[in-house]
PDB file of N, CA and C in Angstrom:
ATOM      1  N   UNK A   1      16.922 273.118  15.344  1.00  0.00           N
ATOM      2  CA  UNK A   1      15.784 272.977  14.710  1.00  0.00           C
ATOM      3  C   UNK A   1      14.862 272.393  15.606  1.00  0.00           C
ATOM      4  N   UNK A   2      15.363 271.530  16.396  1.00  0.00           N
ATOM      5  CA  UNK A   2      14.439 270.688  17.235  1.00  0.00           C
ATOM      6  C   UNK A   2      13.524 271.269  18.310  1.00  0.00           C
ATOM      7  N   UNK A   3      14.428 272.526  18.580  1.00  0.00           N
ATOM      8  CA  UNK A   3      13.730 273.716  19.986  1.00  0.00           C
ATOM      9  C   UNK A   3      12.755 274.103  19.131  1.00  0.00           C
ATOM     10  N   UNK A   4      12.800 274.801  17.434  1.00  0.00           N
ATOM     11  CA  UNK A   4      11.847 275.666  16.883  1.00  0.00           C
ATOM     12  C   UNK A   4      11.120 274.839  16.922  1.00  0.00           C
ATOM     13  N   UNK A   5      11.127 273.540  16.489  1.00  0.00           N
ATOM     14  CA  UNK A   5      10.070 272.388  16.165  1.00  0.00           C
ATOM     15  C   UNK A   5       9.097 272.391  17.431  1.00  0.00           C
ATOM     16  N   UNK A   6       9.301 272.344  18.544  1.00  0.00           N
ATOM     17  CA  UNK A   6       9.464 271.865  20.166  1.00  0.00           C
ATOM     18  C   UNK A   6       8.483 272.982  20.685  1.00  0.00           C
ATOM     19  N   UNK A   7       8.600 274.284  20.047  1.00  0.00           N
ATOM     20  CA  UNK A   7       7.921 275.029  21.035  1.00  0.00           C
ATOM     21  C   UNK A   7       6.612 275.959  19.458  1.00  0.00           C
ATOM     22  N   UNK A   8       6.802 275.258  17.939  1.00  0.00           N
ATOM     23  CA  UNK A   8       5.796 275.223  16.883  1.00  0.00           C
ATOM     24  C   UNK A   8       4.611 274.715  17.992  1.00  0.00           C
ATOM     25  N   UNK A   9       5.137 273.878  17.848  1.00  0.00           N
ATOM     26  CA  UNK A   9       4.204 272.410  18.341  1.00  0.00           C
ATOM     27  C   UNK A   9       3.199 273.180  19.986  1.00  0.00           C
ATOM     28  N   UNK A  10       4.341 273.586  21.214  1.00  0.00           N
ATOM     29  CA  UNK A  10       3.849 273.841  21.531  1.00  0.00           C
ATOM     30  C   UNK A  10       2.490 275.170  21.684  1.00  0.00           C
ATOM     31  N   UNK A  11       2.982 276.209  20.611  1.00  0.00           N
ATOM     32  CA  UNK A  11       1.994 277.195  20.543  1.00  0.00           C
ATOM     33  C   UNK A  11       0.895 277.027  19.785  1.00  0.00           C
ATOM     34  N   UNK A  12       0.777 276.043  18.840  1.00  0.00           N
ATOM     35  CA  UNK A  12       0.380 275.745  18.315  1.00  0.00           C
ATOM     36  C   UNK A  12      -1.053 274.648  19.121  1.00  0.00           C
ATOM     37  N   UNK A  13      -0.379 273.770  20.190  1.00  0.00           N
ATOM     38  CA  UNK A  13      -1.527 273.470  21.153  1.00  0.00           C
ATOM     39  C   UNK A  13      -2.230 274.237  22.160  1.00  0.00           C
ATOM     40  N   UNK A  14      -1.465 274.581  22.133  1.00  0.00           N
ATOM     41  CA  UNK A  14      -1.394 275.929  23.466  1.00  0.00           C
ATOM     42  C   UNK A  14      -2.297 276.447  23.161  1.00  0.00           C
ATOM     43  N   UNK A  15      -2.677 276.747  21.794  1.00  0.00           N
ATOM     44  CA  UNK A  15      -4.009 278.140  21.304  1.00  0.00           C
ATOM     45  C   UNK A  15      -5.143 276.831  21.593  1.00  0.00           C
ATOM     46  N   UNK A  16      -5.482 275.409  21.041  1.00  0.00           N
ATOM     47  CA  UNK A  16      -6.387 274.363  20.942  1.00  0.00           C
ATOM     48  C   UNK A  16      -6.532 274.714  22.396  1.00  0.00           C
ATOM     49  N   UNK A  17      -5.631 274.144  23.454  1.00  0.00           N
ATOM     50  CA  UNK A  17      -6.001 273.511  25.185  1.00  0.00           C
ATOM     51  C   UNK A  17      -5.810 274.917  25.974  1.00  0.00           C
ATOM     52  N   UNK A  18      -5.512 276.138  25.843  1.00  0.00           N
ATOM     53  CA  UNK A  18      -5.829 277.117  26.258  1.00  0.00           C
ATOM     54  C   UNK A  18      -6.760 277.311  27.452  1.00  0.00           C
ATOM     55  N   UNK A  19      -7.647 277.180  27.391  1.00  0.00           N
ATOM     56  CA  UNK A  19      -8.726 277.626  27.980  1.00  0.00           C
ATOM     57  C   UNK A  19      -9.101 276.820  29.365  1.00  0.00           C
ATOM     58  N   UNK A  20      -8.242 275.403  29.706  1.00  0.00           N
ATOM     59  CA  UNK A  20      -8.078 274.409  30.666  1.00  0.00           C
ATOM     60  C   UNK A  20      -7.087 275.461  31.361  1.00  0.00           C
ATOM     61  N   UNK A  21      -7.697 275.334  32.984  1.00  0.00           N
ATOM     62  CA  UNK A  21      -6.807 276.235  34.134  1.00  0.00           C
ATOM     63  C   UNK A  21      -7.022 274.981  34.759  1.00  0.00           C
ATOM     64  N   UNK A  22      -6.138 273.558  34.420  1.00  0.00           N
ATOM     65  CA  UNK A  22      -5.416 272.842  35.049  1.00  0.00           C
ATOM     66  C   UNK A  22      -3.592 272.227  34.920  1.00  0.00           C
ATOM     67  N   UNK A  23      -3.073 271.894  35.531  1.00  0.00           N
ATOM     68  CA  UNK A  23      -1.575 271.534  35.764  1.00  0.00           C
ATOM     69  C   UNK A  23      -1.423 271.552  34.568  1.00  0.00           C
ATOM     70  N   UNK A  24      -0.372 271.583  33.888  1.00  0.00           N
ATOM     71  CA  UNK A  24       0.556 271.156  32.646  1.00  0.00           C
ATOM     72  C   UNK A  24       0.538 269.842  32.307  1.00  0.00           C
ATOM     73  N   UNK A  25       0.107 269.286  31.162  1.00  0.00           N
ATOM     74  CA  UNK A  25       0.149 267.804  31.229  1.00  0.00           C
ATOM     75  C   UNK A  25       0.955 267.232  29.695  1.00  0.00           C
ATOM     76  N   UNK A  26       1.576 266.439  30.378  1.00  0.00           N
ATOM     77  CA  UNK A  26       2.553 266.234  28.905  1.00  0.00           C
ATOM     78  C   UNK A  26       2.427 265.179  28.276  1.00  0.00           C
ATOM     79  N   UNK A  27       2.535 264.932  27.254  1.00  0.00           N
ATOM     80  CA  UNK A  27       2.087 263.406  25.980  1.00  0.00           C
ATOM     81  C   UNK A  27       3.658 263.531  25.910  1.00  0.00           C
ATOM     82  N   UNK A  28       4.095 262.493  24.845  1.00  0.00           N
ATOM     83  CA  UNK A  28       5.101 261.343  24.028  1.00  0.00           C
ATOM     84  C   UNK A  28       4.708 260.940  22.889  1.00  0.00           C
ATOM     85  N   UNK A  29       4.928 262.064  21.962  1.00  0.00           N
ATOM     86  CA  UNK A  29       4.782 261.339  20.531  1.00  0.00           C
ATOM     87  C   UNK A  29       5.986 260.744  19.976  1.00  0.00           C
ATOM     88  N   UNK A  30       6.058 259.461  19.450  1.00  0.00           N
ATOM     89  CA  UNK A  30       7.306 258.861  18.925  1.00  0.00           C
ATOM     90  C   UNK A  30       6.431 258.395  17.920  1.00  0.00           C
ATOM     91  N   UNK A  31       7.158 259.212  16.904  1.00  0.00           N
ATOM     92  CA  UNK A  31       6.581 259.251  15.005  1.00  0.00           C
ATOM     93  C   UNK A  31       8.010 258.394  14.032  1.00  0.00           C
ATOM     94  N   UNK A  32       7.090 257.894  13.658  1.00  0.00           N
ATOM     95  CA  UNK A  32       7.783 256.962  12.421  1.00  0.00           C
ATOM     96  C   UNK A  32       9.372 256.189  12.950  1.00  0.00           C
ATOM     97  N   UNK A  33       8.915 255.693  14.315  1.00  0.00           N
ATOM     98  CA  UNK A  33      10.022 254.847  14.155  1.00  0.00           C
ATOM     99  C   UNK A  33      10.095 253.647  13.906  1.00  0.00           C
ATOM    100  N   UNK A  34      10.359 252.921  12.424  1.00  0.00           N
ATOM    101  CA  UNK A  34       9.902 252.320  11.681  1.00  0.00           C
ATOM    102  C   UNK A  34      10.880 251.158  11.287  1.00  0.00           C
ATOM    103  N   UNK A  35      10.593 249.998  10.886  1.00  0.00           N
ATOM    104  CA  UNK A  35      11.446 249.025  10.681  1.00  0.00           C
ATOM    105  C   UNK A  35      12.002 249.270   9.722  1.00  0.00           C
ATOM    106  N   UNK A  36      11.089 249.939   8.555  1.00  0.00           N
ATOM    107  CA  UNK A  36      11.812 249.981   7.289  1.00  0.00           C
ATOM    108  C   UNK A  36      13.181 251.467   7.143  1.00  0.00           C
ATOM    109  N   UNK A  37      13.561 252.161   8.194  1.00  0.00           N
ATOM    110  CA  UNK A  37      14.328 252.601   7.819  1.00  0.00           C
ATOM    111  C   UNK A  37      15.723 252.142   8.960  1.00  0.00           C
ATOM    112  N   UNK A  38      15.754 250.942   9.658  1.00  0.00           N
ATOM    113  CA  UNK A  38      16.678 250.025   9.932  1.00  0.00           C
ATOM    114  C   UNK A  38      17.358 249.575   8.280  1.00  0.00           C
ATOM    115  N   UNK A  39      18.511 248.787   8.843  1.00  0.00           N
ATOM    116  CA  UNK A  39      19.449 247.929   8.246  1.00  0.00           C
ATOM    117  C   UNK A  39      18.327 247.476   7.069  1.00  0.00           C
ATOM    118  N   UNK A  40      18.477 247.181   5.803  1.00  0.00           N
ATOM    119  CA  UNK A  40      18.028 245.918   5.189  1.00  0.00           C
ATOM    120  C   UNK A  40      16.834 246.373   4.908  1.00  0.00           C
ATOM    121  N   UNK A  41      15.552 247.811   5.950  1.00  0.00           N
ATOM    122  CA  UNK A  41      14.883 248.338   5.157  1.00  0.00           C
ATOM    123  C   UNK A  41      14.682 248.963   4.069  1.00  0.00           C
ATOM    124  N   UNK A  42      13.311 249.260   3.314  1.00  0.00           N
ATOM    125  CA  UNK A  42      13.457 249.986   1.677  1.00  0.00           C
ATOM    126  C   UNK A  42      13.909 251.570   1.809  1.00  0.00           C
ATOM    127  N   UNK A  43      13.340 251.956   3.590  1.00  0.00           N
ATOM    128  CA  UNK A  43      14.226 253.255   2.923  1.00  0.00           C
ATOM    129  C   UNK A  43      14.782 253.820   4.766  1.00  0.00           C
ATOM    130  N   UNK A  44      16.076 252.981   4.757  1.00  0.00           N
ATOM    131  CA  UNK A  44      17.032 252.693   5.028  1.00  0.00           C
ATOM    132  C   UNK A  44      17.854 254.508   5.174  1.00  0.00           C
ATOM    133  N   UNK A  45      18.110 254.510   6.780  1.00  0.00           N
ATOM    134  CA  UNK A  45      18.287 255.610   6.805  1.00  0.00           C
ATOM    135  C   UNK A  45      20.138 255.874   8.006  1.00  0.00           C
ATOM    136  N   UNK A  46      20.370 256.693   8.068  1.00  0.00           N
ATOM    137  CA  UNK A  46      21.912 257.175   8.725  1.00  0.00           C
ATOM    138  C   UNK A  46      21.668 256.616  10.380  1.00  0.00           C
ATOM    139  N   UNK A  47      22.345 255.154  10.343  1.00  0.00           N
ATOM    140  CA  UNK A  47      22.068 255.266  12.621  1.00  0.00           C
ATOM    141  C   UNK A  47      20.528 255.791  13.066  1.00  0.00           C
ATOM    142  N   UNK A  48      20.150 254.343  12.761  1.00  0.00           N
ATOM    143  CA  UNK A  48      18.744 254.347  12.786  1.00  0.00           C
ATOM    144  C   UNK A  48      18.684 253.953  14.186  1.00  0.00           C
ATOM    145  N   UNK A  49      19.730 253.171  14.614  1.00  0.00           N
ATOM    146  CA  UNK A  49      19.921 252.162  15.705  1.00  0.00           C
ATOM    147  C   UNK A  49      20.236 253.453  16.817  1.00  0.00           C
ATOM    148  N   UNK A  50      21.265 253.860  16.665  1.00  0.00           N
ATOM    149  CA  UNK A  50      21.005 255.521  17.433  1.00  0.00           C
ATOM    150  C   UNK A  50      20.097 256.104  17.843  1.00  0.00           C
ATOM    151  N   UNK A  51      19.194 256.606  17.031  1.00  0.00           N
ATOM    152  CA  UNK A  51      17.882 257.047  17.086  1.00  0.00           C
ATOM    153  C   UNK A  51      17.075 256.546  18.386  1.00  0.00           C
ATOM    154  N   UNK A  52      17.221 255.415  17.125  1.00  0.00           N
ATOM    155  CA  UNK A  52      16.597 254.401  18.287  1.00  0.00           C
ATOM    156  C   UNK A  52      16.504 254.274  19.798  1.00  0.00           C
ATOM    157  N   UNK A  53      17.979 254.311  19.919  1.00  0.00           N
ATOM    158  CA  UNK A  53      17.792 253.917  21.294  1.00  0.00           C
ATOM    159  C   UNK A  53      18.258 255.247  22.082  1.00  0.00           C
ATOM    160  N   UNK A  54      18.220 256.084  21.805  1.00  0.00           N
ATOM    161  CA  UNK A  54      18.096 257.401  22.407  1.00  0.00           C
ATOM    162  C   UNK A  54      16.783 257.604  22.671  1.00  0.00           C
ATOM    163  N   UNK A  55      15.379 257.803  21.844  1.00  0.00           N
ATOM    164  CA  UNK A  55      14.485 257.046  21.812  1.00  0.00           C
ATOM    165  C   UNK A  55      13.564 256.771  22.966  1.00  0.00           C
ATOM    166  N   UNK A  56      14.201 255.404  22.500  1.00  0.00           N
ATOM    167  CA  UNK A  56      13.819 254.421  23.845  1.00  0.00           C
ATOM    168  C   UNK A  56      14.113 254.659  25.996  1.00  0.00           C
ATOM    169  N   UNK A  57      15.310 255.776  25.742  1.00  0.00           N
ATOM    170  CA  UNK A  57      15.674 256.191  26.802  1.00  0.00           C
ATOM    171  C   UNK A  57      14.424 257.103  27.615  1.00  0.00           C
ATOM    172  N   UNK A  58      13.987 258.552  26.629  1.00  0.00           N
ATOM    173  CA  UNK A  58      12.581 259.019  26.590  1.00  0.00           C
ATOM    174  C   UNK A  58      11.859 258.480  26.832  1.00  0.00           C
ATOM    175  N   UNK A  59      10.986 257.301  25.733  1.00  0.00           N
ATOM    176  CA  UNK A  59       9.896 256.312  26.580  1.00  0.00           C
ATOM    177  C   UNK A  59      10.074 255.434  27.864  1.00  0.00           C
ATOM    178  N   UNK A  60      11.146 255.613  28.086  1.00  0.00           N
ATOM    179  CA  UNK A  60      11.628 254.498  29.446  1.00  0.00           C
ATOM    180  C   UNK A  60      11.058 255.878  30.691  1.00  0.00           C
ATOM    181  N   UNK A  61      11.953 257.274  29.921  1.00  0.00           N
ATOM    182  CA  UNK A  61      11.403 258.067  31.223  1.00  0.00           C
ATOM    183  C   UNK A  61       9.321 258.220  31.664  1.00  0.00           C
ATOM    184  N   UNK A  62       9.039 258.183  30.408  1.00  0.00           N
ATOM    185  CA  UNK A  62       7.370 258.566  30.113  1.00  0.00           C
ATOM    186  C   UNK A  62       6.796 257.690  31.142  1.00  0.00           C
ATOM    187  N   UNK A  63       7.835 256.903  30.471  1.00  0.00           N
ATOM    188  CA  UNK A  63       6.628 255.741  31.735  1.00  0.00           C
ATOM    189  C   UNK A  63       6.600 255.207  32.604  1.00  0.00           C
ATOM    190  N   UNK A  64       8.157 255.816  33.481  1.00  0.00           N
ATOM    191  CA  UNK A  64       8.193 255.676  34.568  1.00  0.00           C
ATOM    192  C   UNK A  64       7.301 256.199  35.267  1.00  0.00           C
ATOM    193  N   UNK A  65       7.301 258.201  34.676  1.00  0.00           N
ATOM    194  CA  UNK A  65       6.420 258.571  35.283  1.00  0.00           C
ATOM    195  C   UNK A  65       4.986 258.753  35.215  1.00  0.00           C
ATOM    196  N   UNK A  66       4.263 257.438  34.633  1.00  0.00           N
ATOM    197  CA  UNK A  66       3.419 257.889  34.272  1.00  0.00           C
ATOM    198  C   UNK A  66       2.568 258.654  33.591  1.00  0.00           C
ATOM    199  N   UNK A  67       3.006 259.168  32.159  1.00  0.00           N
ATOM    200  CA  UNK A  67       2.468 260.530  31.678  1.00  0.00           C
ATOM    201  C   UNK A  67       2.208 259.416  30.390  1.00  0.00           C
ATOM    202  N   UNK A  68       1.050 260.268  29.191  1.00  0.00           N
ATOM    203  CA  UNK A  68       0.992 259.686  27.753  1.00  0.00           C
ATOM    204  C   UNK A  68       1.967 259.401  27.249  1.00  0.00           C
ATOM    205  N   UNK A  69       2.069 257.435  26.327  1.00  0.00           N
ATOM    206  CA  UNK A  69       2.361 257.709  25.462  1.00  0.00           C
ATOM    207  C   UNK A  69       2.142 257.338  24.163  1.00  0.00           C
ATOM    208  N   UNK A  70       1.962 257.929  23.548  1.00  0.00           N
ATOM    209  CA  UNK A  70       1.196 257.832  21.862  1.00  0.00           C
ATOM    210  C   UNK A  70       2.427 257.421  20.797  1.00  0.00           C
ATOM    211  N   UNK A  71       2.595 256.237  20.037  1.00  0.00           N
ATOM    212  CA  UNK A  71       3.312 255.803  18.739  1.00  0.00           C
ATOM    213  C   UNK A  71       2.490 256.798  17.940  1.00  0.00           C
ATOM    214  N   UNK A  72       2.739 257.184  16.988  1.00  0.00           N
ATOM    215  CA  UNK A  72       2.483 256.930  15.233  1.00  0.00           C
ATOM    216  C   UNK A  72       3.525 255.997  14.384  1.00  0.00           C
ATOM    217  N   UNK A  73       2.454 255.908  13.797  1.00  0.00           N
ATOM    218  CA  UNK A  73       3.463 255.169  12.417  1.00  0.00           C
ATOM    219  C   UNK A  73       2.690 255.316  11.045  1.00  0.00           C
ATOM    220  N   UNK A  74       3.695 255.306  10.107  1.00  0.00           N
ATOM    221  CA  UNK A  74       3.271 255.359   8.930  1.00  0.00           C
ATOM    222  C   UNK A  74       2.565 253.969   8.195  1.00  0.00           C
ATOM    223  N   UNK A  75       1.709 254.118   7.596  1.00  0.00           N
ATOM    224  CA  UNK A  75       1.387 252.902   7.224  1.00  0.00           C
ATOM    225  C   UNK A  75       2.347 252.162   5.781  1.00  0.00           C
ATOM    226  N   UNK A  76       2.711 250.976   6.145  1.00  0.00           N
ATOM    227  CA  UNK A  76       3.613 250.535   4.366  1.00  0.00           C
ATOM    228  C   UNK A  76       2.738 249.059   4.555  1.00  0.00           C
ATOM    229  N   UNK A  77       3.568 248.374   3.826  1.00  0.00           N
ATOM    230  CA  UNK A  77       3.029 247.387   3.403  1.00  0.00           C
ATOM    231  C   UNK A  77       4.760 246.176   3.841  1.00  0.00           C
ATOM    232  N   UNK A  78       5.663 246.523   4.024  1.00  0.00           N
ATOM    233  CA  UNK A  78       6.502 246.351   4.327  1.00  0.00           C
ATOM    234  C   UNK A  78       7.222 246.792   5.386  1.00  0.00           C
ATOM    235  N   UNK A  79       8.080 246.353   6.588  1.00  0.00           N
ATOM    236  CA  UNK A  79       8.321 247.080   7.497  1.00  0.00           C
ATOM    237  C   UNK A  79       8.162 247.996   8.102  1.00  0.00           C
ATOM    238  N   UNK A  80       6.812 248.276   8.429  1.00  0.00           N
ATOM    239  CA  UNK A  80       6.236 249.421   8.734  1.00  0.00           C
ATOM    240  C   UNK A  80       5.718 249.148  10.234  1.00  0.00           C
ATOM    241  N   UNK A  81       6.145 247.990  10.957  1.00  0.00           N
ATOM    242  CA  UNK A  81       5.403 247.258  12.331  1.00  0.00           C
ATOM    243  C   UNK A  81       6.987 249.016  12.797  1.00  0.00           C
ATOM    244  N   UNK A  82       6.393 249.057  13.853  1.00  0.00           N
ATOM    245  CA  UNK A  82       7.287 250.099  14.774  1.00  0.00           C
ATOM    246  C   UNK A  82       8.657 249.455  15.434  1.00  0.00           C
ATOM    247  N   UNK A  83       9.290 250.267  15.550  1.00  0.00           N
ATOM    248  CA  UNK A  83      10.883 249.350  15.546  1.00  0.00           C
ATOM    249  C   UNK A  83      11.155 248.562  16.889  1.00  0.00           C
ATOM    250  N   UNK A  84      10.962 247.689  17.669  1.00  0.00           N
ATOM    251  CA  UNK A  84      11.131 246.761  19.209  1.00  0.00           C
ATOM    252  C   UNK A  84      12.286 248.185  20.007  1.00  0.00           C
ATOM    253  N   UNK A  85      12.343 248.839  19.492  1.00  0.00           N
ATOM    254  CA  UNK A  85      13.369 249.653  20.318  1.00  0.00           C
ATOM    255  C   UNK A  85      12.128 250.619  21.008  1.00  0.00           C
ATOM    256  N   UNK A  86      10.902 251.099  20.367  1.00  0.00           N
ATOM    257  CA  UNK A  86      10.344 251.619  21.023  1.00  0.00           C
ATOM    258  C   UNK A  86       8.933 251.040  21.228  1.00  0.00           C
ATOM    259  N   UNK A  87       9.043 249.935  20.790  1.00  0.00           N
ATOM    260  CA  UNK A  87       7.170 249.338  20.695  1.00  0.00           C
ATOM    261  C   UNK A  87       6.529 249.461  21.694  1.00  0.00           C
ATOM    262  N   UNK A  88       5.029 249.610  21.094  1.00  0.00           N
ATOM    263  CA  UNK A  88       4.059 250.154  22.290  1.00  0.00           C
ATOM    264  C   UNK A  88       3.957 249.329  23.265  1.00  0.00           C
ATOM    265  N   UNK A  89       3.539 249.400  24.299  1.00  0.00           N
ATOM    266  CA  UNK A  89       3.221 248.368  25.047  1.00  0.00           C
ATOM    267  C   UNK A  89       1.825 248.757  25.219  1.00  0.00           C
ATOM    268  N   UNK A  90       1.249 247.498  26.394  1.00  0.00           N
ATOM    269  CA  UNK A  90      -0.568 247.818  26.358  1.00  0.00           C
ATOM    270  C   UNK A  90      -0.950 248.885  27.187  1.00  0.00           C
ATOM    271  N   UNK A  91      -2.331 249.444  26.343  1.00  0.00           N
ATOM    272  CA  UNK A  91      -2.495 251.241  27.427  1.00  0.00           C
ATOM    273  C   UNK A  91      -2.012 251.939  26.028  1.00  0.00           C
ATOM    274  N   UNK A  92      -0.802 251.333  25.428  1.00  0.00           N
ATOM    275  CA  UNK A  92      -0.477 253.595  24.796  1.00  0.00           C
ATOM    276  C   UNK A  92      -1.346 253.056  23.326  1.00  0.00           C
ATOM    277  N   UNK A  93      -1.278 254.388  23.346  1.00  0.00           N
ATOM    278  CA  UNK A  93      -1.696 254.523  21.844  1.00  0.00           C
ATOM    279  C   UNK A  93      -1.201 254.130  20.412  1.00  0.00           C
ATOM    280  N   UNK A  94      -2.218 253.568  19.537  1.00  0.00           N
ATOM    281  CA  UNK A  94      -1.151 253.827  18.010  1.00  0.00           C
ATOM    282  C   UNK A  94      -2.213 254.218  17.310  1.00  0.00           C
ATOM    283  N   UNK A  95      -0.909 255.374  16.757  1.00  0.00           N
ATOM    284  CA  UNK A  95      -2.582 256.049  15.018  1.00  0.00           C
ATOM    285  C   UNK A  95      -1.341 255.910  14.359  1.00  0.00           C
ATOM    286  N   UNK A  96      -1.760 254.781  13.051  1.00  0.00           N
ATOM    287  CA  UNK A  96      -1.623 254.934  11.851  1.00  0.00           C
ATOM    288  C   UNK A  96      -1.930 256.113  10.942  1.00  0.00           C
ATOM    289  N   UNK A  97      -1.268 256.228   9.654  1.00  0.00           N
ATOM    290  CA  UNK A  97      -1.305 257.870   9.311  1.00  0.00           C
ATOM    291  C   UNK A  97      -1.223 257.277   7.744  1.00  0.00           C
ATOM    292  N   UNK A  98      -1.397 258.080   6.673  1.00  0.00           N
ATOM    293  CA  UNK A  98      -1.268 257.843   5.932  1.00  0.00           C
ATOM    294  C   UNK A  98      -0.345 259.165   4.709  1.00  0.00           C
ATOM    295  N   UNK A  99      -0.741 260.175   5.684  1.00  0.00           N
ATOM    296  CA  UNK A  99       0.126 261.699   5.357  1.00  0.00           C
ATOM    297  C   UNK A  99       1.059 261.471   6.115  1.00  0.00           C
ATOM    298  N   UNK A 100       1.805 262.201   5.396  1.00  0.00           N
ATOM    299  CA  UNK A 100       3.544 262.669   6.453  1.00  0.00           C
ATOM    300  C   UNK A 100       3.007 263.715   8.008  1.00  0.00           C
ATOM    301  N   UNK A 101       1.807 264.685   7.770  1.00  0.00           N
ATOM    302  CA  UNK A 101       1.455 265.247   9.126  1.00  0.00           C
ATOM    303  C   UNK A 101       0.831 264.549   9.732  1.00  0.00           C
ATOM    304  N   UNK A 102       1.335 264.365  11.715  1.00  0.00           N
ATOM    305  CA  UNK A 102       0.537 263.337  11.890  1.00  0.00           C
ATOM    306  C   UNK A 102      -1.064 263.801  12.451  1.00  0.00           C
ATOM    307  N   UNK A 103      -1.504 264.794  12.075  1.00  0.00           N
ATOM    308  CA  UNK A 103      -2.772 265.475  12.517  1.00  0.00           C
ATOM    309  C   UNK A 103      -3.648 265.103  11.418  1.00  0.00           C
ATOM    310  N   UNK A 104      -3.415 265.114  10.342  1.00  0.00           N
ATOM    311  CA  UNK A 104      -4.234 265.149   9.023  1.00  0.00           C
ATOM    312  C   UNK A 104      -4.272 263.651   8.994  1.00  0.00           C
ATOM    313  N   UNK A 105      -5.903 263.512   8.879  1.00  0.00           N
ATOM    314  CA  UNK A 105      -6.814 262.454   8.368  1.00  0.00           C
ATOM    315  C   UNK A 105      -6.270 261.664   9.798  1.00  0.00           C
ATOM    316  N   UNK A 106      -6.159 262.251  10.358  1.00  0.00           N
ATOM    317  CA  UNK A 106      -6.230 260.716  12.290  1.00  0.00           C
ATOM    318  C   UNK A 106      -6.795 261.513  13.510  1.00  0.00           C
ATOM    319  N   UNK A 107      -6.811 260.504  14.449  1.00  0.00           N
ATOM    320  CA  UNK A 107      -7.589 261.212  15.647  1.00  0.00           C
ATOM    321  C   UNK A 107      -6.630 261.803  16.718  1.00  0.00           C
ATOM    322  N   UNK A 108      -5.228 262.165  16.050  1.00  0.00           N
ATOM    323  CA  UNK A 108      -4.300 262.641  16.826  1.00  0.00           C
ATOM    324  C   UNK A 108      -5.122 263.862  17.835  1.00  0.00           C
ATOM    325  N   UNK A 109      -5.280 264.777  17.579  1.00  0.00           N
ATOM    326  CA  UNK A 109      -5.536 266.071  17.560  1.00  0.00           C
ATOM    327  C   UNK A 109      -6.608 266.116  18.700  1.00  0.00           C
ATOM    328  N   UNK A 110      -7.583 264.880  18.714  1.00  0.00           N
ATOM    329  CA  UNK A 110      -8.991 264.509  19.898  1.00  0.00           C
ATOM    330  C   UNK A 110      -8.346 264.002  20.770  1.00  0.00           C
ATOM    331  N   UNK A 111      -7.483 263.364  20.191  1.00  0.00           N
ATOM    332  CA  UNK A 111      -7.471 261.792  21.687  1.00  0.00           C
ATOM    333  C   UNK A 111      -6.237 263.153  22.556  1.00  0.00           C
ATOM    334  N   UNK A 112      -5.377 263.917  21.610  1.00  0.00           N
ATOM    335  CA  UNK A 112      -4.639 264.982  23.229  1.00  0.00           C
ATOM    336  C   UNK A 112      -5.617 265.870  23.894  1.00  0.00           C
ATOM    337  N   UNK A 113      -6.297 266.281  23.353  1.00  0.00           N
ATOM    338  CA  UNK A 113      -7.940 266.786  24.301  1.00  0.00           C
ATOM    339  C   UNK A 113      -8.445 266.163  25.251  1.00  0.00           C
ATOM    340  N   UNK A 114      -8.572 264.947  24.543  1.00  0.00           N
ATOM    341  CA  UNK A 114      -9.286 263.841  25.738  1.00  0.00           C
ATOM    342  C   UNK A 114      -8.562 263.783  26.782  1.00  0.00           C
ATOM    343  N   UNK A 115      -7.473 263.632  26.761  1.00  0.00           N
ATOM    344  CA  UNK A 115      -6.279 263.530  27.925  1.00  0.00           C
ATOM    345  C   UNK A 115      -6.108 264.521  28.205  1.00  0.00           C
ATOM    346  N   UNK A 116      -6.102 266.118  27.516  1.00  0.00           N
ATOM    347  CA  UNK A 116      -6.225 267.425  27.973  1.00  0.00           C
ATOM    348  C   UNK A 116      -4.682 267.294  28.406  1.00  0.00           C
ATOM    349  N   UNK A 117      -3.828 267.083  26.675  1.00  0.00           N
ATOM    350  CA  UNK A 117      -2.625 267.471  27.243  1.00  0.00           C
ATOM    351  C   UNK A 117      -2.315 268.384  26.315  1.00  0.00           C
ATOM    352  N   UNK A 118      -1.441 269.487  27.442  1.00  0.00           N
ATOM    353  CA  UNK A 118      -1.284 270.572  27.086  1.00  0.00           C
ATOM    354  C   UNK A 118       0.033 270.940  26.612  1.00  0.00           C
ATOM    355  N   UNK A 119       1.077 270.354  26.651  1.00  0.00           N
ATOM    356  CA  UNK A 119       2.792 269.822  26.031  1.00  0.00           C
ATOM    357  C   UNK A 119       2.604 268.848  25.175  1.00  0.00           C
ATOM    358  N   UNK A 120       3.685 269.232  24.481  1.00  0.00           N
ATOM    359  CA  UNK A 120       3.973 267.829  23.870  1.00  0.00           C
ATOM    360  C   UNK A 120       5.717 267.906  23.494  1.00  0.00           C
ATOM    361  N   UNK A 121       5.978 266.230  23.703  1.00  0.00           N
ATOM    362  CA  UNK A 121       7.554 265.862  23.435  1.00  0.00           C
ATOM    363  C   UNK A 121       7.284 265.150  22.260  1.00  0.00           C
ATOM    364  N   UNK A 122       8.246 266.035  21.087  1.00  0.00           N
ATOM    365  CA  UNK A 122       8.167 264.409  20.262  1.00  0.00           C
ATOM    366  C   UNK A 122       9.103 264.334  19.419  1.00  0.00           C
ATOM    367  N   UNK A 123       9.413 262.970  19.519  1.00  0.00           N
ATOM    368  CA  UNK A 123      10.677 261.866  19.083  1.00  0.00           C
ATOM    369  C   UNK A 123      10.461 261.243  17.899  1.00  0.00           C
TER     370      UNK A 123
END
């Protein structure tokens, strides 16, 4: 499923950005790793700690390489903060959304284009 999603996202983004003849530039998008999905939260998921730790490993790799990191969070009154496992640091873009789709009613696509992103890794 994740491989299919990655391929679909890559295809969608490449049609938007294909005119660029520059080397591939990859961004990491961390989506909805928020406190309300962890134990005690209003929408607790199964084993979110394990998922958060794995996401942290990917995040650290992107930071080490100096690649673009984008955090997407769903607006929520309670528990909507990004979990500390993947908390943004200074300079990392944070996009807040009200829709399930991270591109709808946000500046995500424009930000990717501004930064000449050709490939995405989604966590």
